[in-house]
Amino acid sequence: MSLISLTRQERQVILFLIVIALLGLGINFLTKHFSQIRVIGYISQDIGKINLNQADKEALIDISGIGTKLAQRIIDYRQQKGWFRNIAELKKIKGIGESKYEAIKDYFTVDRVD
């Protein structure tokens, strides 16, 4: 049986099924590469923003401009000083000057964790 002998409606159904299968593969790929636990645990009520008071090293590294060393400094600061009270406290961390702060500040929120 060839595709040419199929009716237009049958070809549309086959195309629809192929598109759905590809979407499923894409969703499967994304969920395996981006931990759902991280998404649920570190994104606050400000949709798309990461809570500085909960984020682990991997979540911080996902932010453009933050590497492993800077992520560790942020975690160390949080462990030494307690929870972040505001995002501007990031400027107190070595390696975060005004320009770096301006580039990353919109990715974060500082919901308190008790």
C-alpha atoms as a PDB file:
ATOM      1  CA  MET A   1       0.000   0.000   0.000  1.00  0.00           C
ATOM      2  CA  SER A   2       1.488   3.368  -0.958  1.00  0.00           C
ATOM      3  CA  LEU A   3       0.752   6.788   0.439  1.00  0.00           C
ATOM      4  CA  ILE A   4      -0.456   7.904  -2.958  1.00  0.00           C
ATOM      5  CA  SER A   5      -3.430   5.554  -2.814  1.00  0.00           C
ATOM      6  CA  LEU A   6      -4.555   6.948   0.546  1.00  0.00           C
ATOM      7  CA  THR A   7      -7.324   9.481   0.673  1.00  0.00           C
ATOM      8  CA  ARG A   8      -6.570  13.070   1.639  1.00  0.00           C
ATOM      9  CA  GLN A   9      -8.206  12.546   5.033  1.00  0.00           C
ATOM     10  CA  GLU A  10      -6.099   9.418   5.700  1.00  0.00           C
ATOM     11  CA  ARG A  11      -2.892  11.289   4.821  1.00  0.00           C
ATOM     12  CA  GLN A  12      -3.907  14.097   7.198  1.00  0.00           C
ATOM     13  CA  VAL A  13      -4.493  11.589  10.010  1.00  0.00           C
ATOM     14  CA  ILE A  14      -1.071  10.004   9.411  1.00  0.00           C
ATOM     15  CA  LEU A  15       0.591  13.434   9.381  1.00  0.00           C
ATOM     16  CA  PHE A  16      -1.238  14.383  12.592  1.00  0.00           C
ATOM     17  CA  LEU A  17      -0.037  11.181  14.298  1.00  0.00           C
ATOM     18  CA  ILE A  18       3.556  11.844  13.212  1.00  0.00           C
ATOM     19  CA  VAL A  19       3.410  15.392  14.618  1.00  0.00           C
ATOM     20  CA  ILE A  20       1.998  14.122  17.931  1.00  0.00           C
ATOM     21  CA  ALA A  21       4.751  11.482  18.142  1.00  0.00           C
ATOM     22  CA  LEU A  22       7.444  14.114  17.529  1.00  0.00           C
ATOM     23  CA  LEU A  23       5.942  16.381  20.203  1.00  0.00           C
ATOM     24  CA  GLY A  24       5.975  13.475  22.633  1.00  0.00           C
ATOM     25  CA  LEU A  25       9.637  12.781  21.886  1.00  0.00           C
ATOM     26  CA  GLY A  26      10.449  16.474  22.401  1.00  0.00           C
ATOM     27  CA  ILE A  27       8.659  16.605  25.740  1.00  0.00           C
ATOM     28  CA  ASN A  28      10.353  13.388  26.838  1.00  0.00           C
ATOM     29  CA  PHE A  29      13.756  14.852  25.916  1.00  0.00           C
ATOM     30  CA  LEU A  30      13.110  18.069  27.842  1.00  0.00           C
ATOM     31  CA  THR A  31      11.905  16.328  31.005  1.00  0.00           C
ATOM     32  CA  LYS A  32      14.975  14.094  31.046  1.00  0.00           C
ATOM     33  CA  HIS A  33      17.377  17.002  30.603  1.00  0.00           C
ATOM     34  CA  PHE A  34      15.710  19.493  32.933  1.00  0.00           C
ATOM     35  CA  SER A  35      14.916  17.992  36.297  1.00  0.00           C
ATOM     36  CA  GLN A  36      11.273  18.440  37.245  1.00  0.00           C
ATOM     37  CA  ILE A  37      12.280  18.483  40.900  1.00  0.00           C
ATOM     38  CA  ARG A  38      14.551  21.445  40.259  1.00  0.00           C
ATOM     39  CA  VAL A  39      11.801  23.261  38.402  1.00  0.00           C
ATOM     40  CA  ILE A  40       9.269  22.672  41.179  1.00  0.00           C
ATOM     41  CA  GLY A  41      11.685  23.285  44.050  1.00  0.00           C
ATOM     42  CA  TYR A  42      13.491  26.366  42.861  1.00  0.00           C
ATOM     43  CA  ILE A  43      11.034  28.412  40.882  1.00  0.00           C
ATOM     44  CA  SER A  44       9.059  30.653  43.160  1.00  0.00           C
ATOM     45  CA  GLN A  45       5.722  32.355  42.761  1.00  0.00           C
ATOM     46  CA  ASP A  46       7.480  34.794  40.438  1.00  0.00           C
ATOM     47  CA  ILE A  47       7.178  32.477  37.484  1.00  0.00           C
ATOM     48  CA  GLY A  48      10.521  31.863  35.861  1.00  0.00           C
ATOM     49  CA  LYS A  49      12.586  33.277  38.712  1.00  0.00           C
ATOM     50  CA  ILE A  50      14.868  31.186  40.873  1.00  0.00           C
ATOM     51  CA  ASN A  51      14.730  31.584  44.647  1.00  0.00           C
ATOM     52  CA  LEU A  52      18.235  32.490  45.857  1.00  0.00           C
ATOM     53  CA  ASN A  53      17.395  30.999  49.248  1.00  0.00           C
ATOM     54  CA  GLN A  54      16.764  27.515  47.820  1.00  0.00           C
ATOM     55  CA  ALA A  55      18.697  27.160  44.571  1.00  0.00           C
ATOM     56  CA  ASP A  56      21.366  24.486  44.365  1.00  0.00           C
ATOM     57  CA  LYS A  57      24.591  24.802  42.419  1.00  0.00           C
ATOM     58  CA  GLU A  58      23.162  23.277  39.236  1.00  0.00           C
ATOM     59  CA  ALA A  59      20.208  25.677  39.200  1.00  0.00           C
ATOM     60  CA  LEU A  60      22.556  28.643  39.601  1.00  0.00           C
ATOM     61  CA  ILE A  61      24.879  27.410  36.850  1.00  0.00           C
ATOM     62  CA  ASP A  62      21.916  27.285  34.476  1.00  0.00           C
ATOM     63  CA  ILE A  63      21.816  31.094  34.630  1.00  0.00           C
ATOM     64  CA  SER A  64      23.799  32.714  31.843  1.00  0.00           C
ATOM     65  CA  GLY A  65      26.837  34.427  33.342  1.00  0.00           C
ATOM     66  CA  ILE A  66      27.119  32.186  36.412  1.00  0.00           C
ATOM     67  CA  GLY A  67      29.755  29.490  36.348  1.00  0.00           C
ATOM     68  CA  THR A  68      30.671  26.842  38.893  1.00  0.00           C
ATOM     69  CA  LYS A  69      32.888  29.111  41.001  1.00  0.00           C
ATOM     70  CA  LEU A  70      30.376  31.939  41.204  1.00  0.00           C
ATOM     71  CA  ALA A  71      27.552  29.507  41.949  1.00  0.00           C
ATOM     72  CA  GLN A  72      29.601  28.093  44.826  1.00  0.00           C
ATOM     73  CA  ARG A  73      30.312  31.603  46.144  1.00  0.00           C
ATOM     74  CA  ILE A  74      26.577  32.350  46.156  1.00  0.00           C
ATOM     75  CA  ILE A  75      25.889  29.152  48.101  1.00  0.00           C
ATOM     76  CA  ASP A  76      28.773  29.846  50.504  1.00  0.00           C
ATOM     77  CA  TYR A  77      27.473  33.383  51.114  1.00  0.00           C
ATOM     78  CA  ARG A  78      24.002  32.007  51.851  1.00  0.00           C
ATOM     79  CA  GLN A  79      25.437  29.457  54.279  1.00  0.00           C
ATOM     80  CA  GLN A  80      27.558  32.063  56.081  1.00  0.00           C
ATOM     81  CA  LYS A  81      25.075  34.949  56.212  1.00  0.00           C
ATOM     82  CA  GLY A  82      21.752  33.126  56.286  1.00  0.00           C
ATOM     83  CA  TRP A  83      19.009  33.697  53.785  1.00  0.00           C
ATOM     84  CA  PHE A  84      19.138  36.492  51.245  1.00  0.00           C
ATOM     85  CA  ARG A  85      16.965  39.437  52.233  1.00  0.00           C
ATOM     86  CA  ASN A  86      17.087  41.099  48.810  1.00  0.00           C
ATOM     87  CA  ILE A  87      18.593  40.473  45.410  1.00  0.00           C
ATOM     88  CA  ALA A  88      21.009  43.398  45.757  1.00  0.00           C
ATOM     89  CA  GLU A  89      22.959  41.345  48.326  1.00  0.00           C
ATOM     90  CA  LEU A  90      24.425  39.520  45.324  1.00  0.00           C
ATOM     91  CA  LYS A  91      26.722  42.547  44.868  1.00  0.00           C
ATOM     92  CA  LYS A  92      28.485  41.587  48.117  1.00  0.00           C
ATOM     93  CA  ILE A  93      29.746  38.377  46.505  1.00  0.00           C
ATOM     94  CA  LYS A  94      33.196  38.388  44.922  1.00  0.00           C
ATOM     95  CA  GLY A  95      32.829  38.322  41.140  1.00  0.00           C
ATOM     96  CA  ILE A  96      29.496  40.129  41.025  1.00  0.00           C
ATOM     97  CA  GLY A  97      30.045  43.740  40.128  1.00  0.00           C
ATOM     98  CA  GLU A  98      27.469  46.196  38.911  1.00  0.00           C
ATOM     99  CA  SER A  99      27.450  44.939  35.315  1.00  0.00           C
ATOM    100  CA  LYS A 100      27.211  41.259  36.305  1.00  0.00           C
ATOM    101  CA  TYR A 101      24.481  42.120  38.805  1.00  0.00           C
ATOM    102  CA  GLU A 102      22.476  43.964  36.135  1.00  0.00           C
ATOM    103  CA  ALA A 103      22.834  40.972  33.807  1.00  0.00           C
ATOM    104  CA  ILE A 104      21.606  38.357  36.304  1.00  0.00           C
ATOM    105  CA  LYS A 105      19.292  40.139  38.764  1.00  0.00           C
ATOM    106  CA  ASP A 106      16.090  39.518  36.821  1.00  0.00           C
ATOM    107  CA  TYR A 107      16.547  35.750  37.071  1.00  0.00           C
ATOM    108  CA  PHE A 108      16.128  35.720  40.848  1.00  0.00           C
ATOM    109  CA  THR A 109      13.713  36.239  43.681  1.00  0.00           C
ATOM    110  CA  VAL A 110      14.397  36.031  47.426  1.00  0.00           C
ATOM    111  CA  ASP A 111      11.470  34.242  48.995  1.00  0.00           C
ATOM    112  CA  ARG A 112      12.348  33.447  52.584  1.00  0.00           C
ATOM    113  CA  VAL A 113      12.645  29.800  53.495  1.00  0.00           C
ATOM    114  CA  ASP A 114      11.824  28.796  57.061  1.00  0.00           C
END
